[in-house]
């Protein structure tokens, strides 16, 4: 049987960076289990490795400059040296961005080939609550994840 794991990488009290955690709460109302992987790349990668899903959906927010919901399959570099170099050079302190997570988890061999990222553009980057765009993207993210999970693969 194909196993799908949905994960959320986000931060409360950081504006639109909380979209994935809000989406996780809404998806749980649809009986979809969502694992919070905001706790650090190595620990999150270890949990994913233990669960060993066939398919992984990662919900996240990132500021890249285009107001959109991006859905993509990340390039997974399984070369441990490159991954750890990227992580140590790009560490952002408290925040772990999706690129750092993909790099770390890929180097550890924790990501399945069938990994899909649902990424909202973060317009408001601090404070409590979402921007108007963030509220729109949150709803779009939830709707698209539900469609993705319910569609025959």
Protein backbone atom coordinates (compact mmCIF):
# COMPACT_ATOMS: atom_id res chain seq x y z
CA UNK A 1 0.00 0.00 0.00
CA UNK A 2 1.27 3.47 -0.90
CA UNK A 3 1.91 5.62 2.16
CA UNK A 4 1.69 9.41 1.93
CA UNK A 5 3.06 11.62 4.69
CA UNK A 6 2.15 15.31 4.85
CA UNK A 7 4.61 17.57 6.71
CA UNK A 8 4.48 21.25 7.66
CA UNK A 9 7.54 23.50 7.90
CA UNK A 10 6.52 26.86 9.36
CA UNK A 11 6.73 29.24 12.30
CA UNK A 12 4.02 30.78 14.49
CA UNK A 13 4.19 34.54 15.17
CA UNK A 14 6.13 35.12 11.95
CA UNK A 15 3.36 36.35 9.67
CA UNK A 16 2.89 34.28 6.51
CA UNK A 17 5.57 31.81 7.63
CA UNK A 18 2.78 30.33 9.79
CA UNK A 19 0.68 29.36 6.72
CA UNK A 20 1.91 25.72 6.74
CA UNK A 21 0.99 25.29 10.42
CA UNK A 22 -2.45 26.81 9.83
CA UNK A 23 -2.87 24.50 6.82
CA UNK A 24 -1.90 21.53 9.01
CA UNK A 25 -4.64 22.43 11.48
CA UNK A 26 -7.23 22.66 8.68
CA UNK A 27 -6.07 19.39 7.10
CA UNK A 28 -6.37 17.62 10.45
CA UNK A 29 -10.06 18.62 10.38
CA UNK A 30 -10.23 16.43 7.23
CA UNK A 31 -8.60 13.51 9.11
CA UNK A 32 -5.25 14.04 7.42
CA UNK A 33 -2.30 13.52 9.74
CA UNK A 34 0.30 16.28 9.34
CA UNK A 35 3.73 16.08 10.98
CA UNK A 36 5.36 19.34 12.08
CA UNK A 37 8.97 19.28 10.84
CA UNK A 38 9.83 22.80 12.00
CA UNK A 39 12.02 21.34 14.73
CA UNK A 40 15.29 21.15 12.80
CA UNK A 41 16.60 19.45 9.69
CA UNK A 42 18.37 16.49 11.28
CA UNK A 43 15.56 15.58 13.69
CA UNK A 44 12.88 16.04 11.01
CA UNK A 45 14.88 14.00 8.48
CA UNK A 46 15.30 11.25 11.10
CA UNK A 47 11.53 11.09 11.70
CA UNK A 48 10.86 10.90 7.97
CA UNK A 49 13.49 8.19 7.59
CA UNK A 50 11.83 6.12 10.34
CA UNK A 51 8.35 6.53 8.84
CA UNK A 52 9.76 5.83 5.37
CA UNK A 53 6.78 7.05 3.32
CA UNK A 54 6.44 6.26 -0.38
CA UNK A 55 5.25 9.82 -0.98
CA UNK A 56 6.00 13.02 0.94
CA UNK A 57 4.12 16.33 0.72
CA UNK A 58 5.85 19.30 2.37
CA UNK A 59 3.87 22.45 3.16
CA UNK A 60 5.98 25.58 3.56
CA UNK A 61 6.23 29.34 3.01
CA UNK A 62 9.17 31.19 1.55
CA UNK A 63 9.85 34.72 0.34
CA UNK A 64 10.98 34.40 -3.29
CA UNK A 65 9.31 37.43 -4.88
CA UNK A 66 6.22 36.09 -6.68
CA UNK A 67 2.80 36.00 -5.03
CA UNK A 68 1.80 32.45 -5.88
CA UNK A 69 1.34 28.97 -4.53
CA UNK A 70 4.28 27.03 -5.95
CA UNK A 71 3.90 23.27 -6.31
CA UNK A 72 7.07 21.52 -7.36
CA UNK A 73 9.18 18.41 -7.03
CA UNK A 74 12.51 19.47 -5.53
CA UNK A 75 15.86 18.38 -6.85
CA UNK A 76 17.20 15.98 -4.24
CA UNK A 77 20.99 15.95 -4.01
CA UNK A 78 21.97 12.77 -2.22
CA UNK A 79 25.66 13.78 -2.01
CA UNK A 80 26.31 14.17 1.70
CA UNK A 81 29.27 16.53 1.27
CA UNK A 82 27.40 19.05 -0.89
CA UNK A 83 24.37 18.92 1.36
CA UNK A 84 26.26 19.59 4.57
CA UNK A 85 28.32 22.35 2.94
CA UNK A 86 25.09 24.07 1.88
CA UNK A 87 23.64 23.73 5.36
CA UNK A 88 26.63 25.09 7.25
CA UNK A 89 27.10 27.98 4.79
CA UNK A 90 23.40 28.88 4.62
CA UNK A 91 22.31 28.50 8.25
CA UNK A 92 19.71 31.11 9.10
CA UNK A 93 19.72 30.79 12.88
CA UNK A 94 16.26 30.05 14.28
CA UNK A 95 14.60 29.51 10.92
CA UNK A 96 15.11 26.45 8.78
CA UNK A 97 14.04 27.20 5.23
CA UNK A 98 12.78 24.59 2.79
CA UNK A 99 16.01 24.64 0.78
CA UNK A 100 18.10 23.82 3.88
CA UNK A 101 15.68 21.06 4.85
CA UNK A 102 15.70 19.49 1.36
CA UNK A 103 19.50 19.67 1.33
CA UNK A 104 19.91 18.07 4.78
CA UNK A 105 17.22 15.42 4.36
CA UNK A 106 18.46 14.59 0.85
CA UNK A 107 22.04 14.14 2.10
CA UNK A 108 20.80 11.80 4.80
CA UNK A 109 18.82 9.78 2.26
CA UNK A 110 15.56 10.51 4.09
CA UNK A 111 13.47 11.88 1.22
CA UNK A 112 11.52 9.57 -1.06
CA UNK A 113 11.80 10.16 -4.80
CA UNK A 114 8.11 11.09 -4.73
CA UNK A 115 8.49 14.35 -2.77
CA UNK A 116 6.30 17.34 -3.59
CA UNK A 117 6.54 20.83 -2.07
CA UNK A 118 3.52 23.14 -1.67
CA UNK A 119 5.04 26.57 -1.05
CA UNK A 120 3.16 29.83 -0.41
CA UNK A 121 4.89 33.12 -1.02
CA UNK A 122 5.46 34.85 2.34
CA UNK A 123 4.41 38.47 2.01
CA UNK A 124 4.18 39.37 5.71
CA UNK A 125 7.33 38.06 7.41
CA UNK A 126 6.76 38.90 11.07
CA UNK A 127 4.05 39.37 13.65
CA UNK A 128 0.82 37.60 14.48
CA UNK A 129 -1.65 36.83 11.73
CA UNK A 130 -1.50 36.45 7.98
CA UNK A 131 -1.51 39.03 5.22
CA UNK A 132 -4.54 39.19 2.94
CA UNK A 133 -2.47 37.30 0.36
CA UNK A 134 -1.46 34.77 3.04
CA UNK A 135 -5.10 34.02 3.88
CA UNK A 136 -5.82 33.46 0.19
CA UNK A 137 -2.76 31.24 -0.29
CA UNK A 138 -3.60 29.24 2.86
CA UNK A 139 -7.01 28.32 1.45
CA UNK A 140 -5.52 27.51 -1.95
CA UNK A 141 -2.85 25.33 -0.30
CA UNK A 142 -5.43 23.35 1.69
CA UNK A 143 -7.65 22.89 -1.38
CA UNK A 144 -4.75 21.76 -3.58
CA UNK A 145 -3.38 19.34 -0.98
CA UNK A 146 -6.84 17.79 -0.52
CA UNK A 147 -7.19 17.41 -4.31
CA UNK A 148 -3.68 15.96 -4.56
CA UNK A 149 -4.33 13.37 -1.84
CA UNK A 150 -7.79 12.42 -3.11
CA UNK A 151 -6.77 12.06 -6.76
CA UNK A 152 -5.74 8.59 -7.94
CA UNK A 153 -1.97 8.52 -8.29
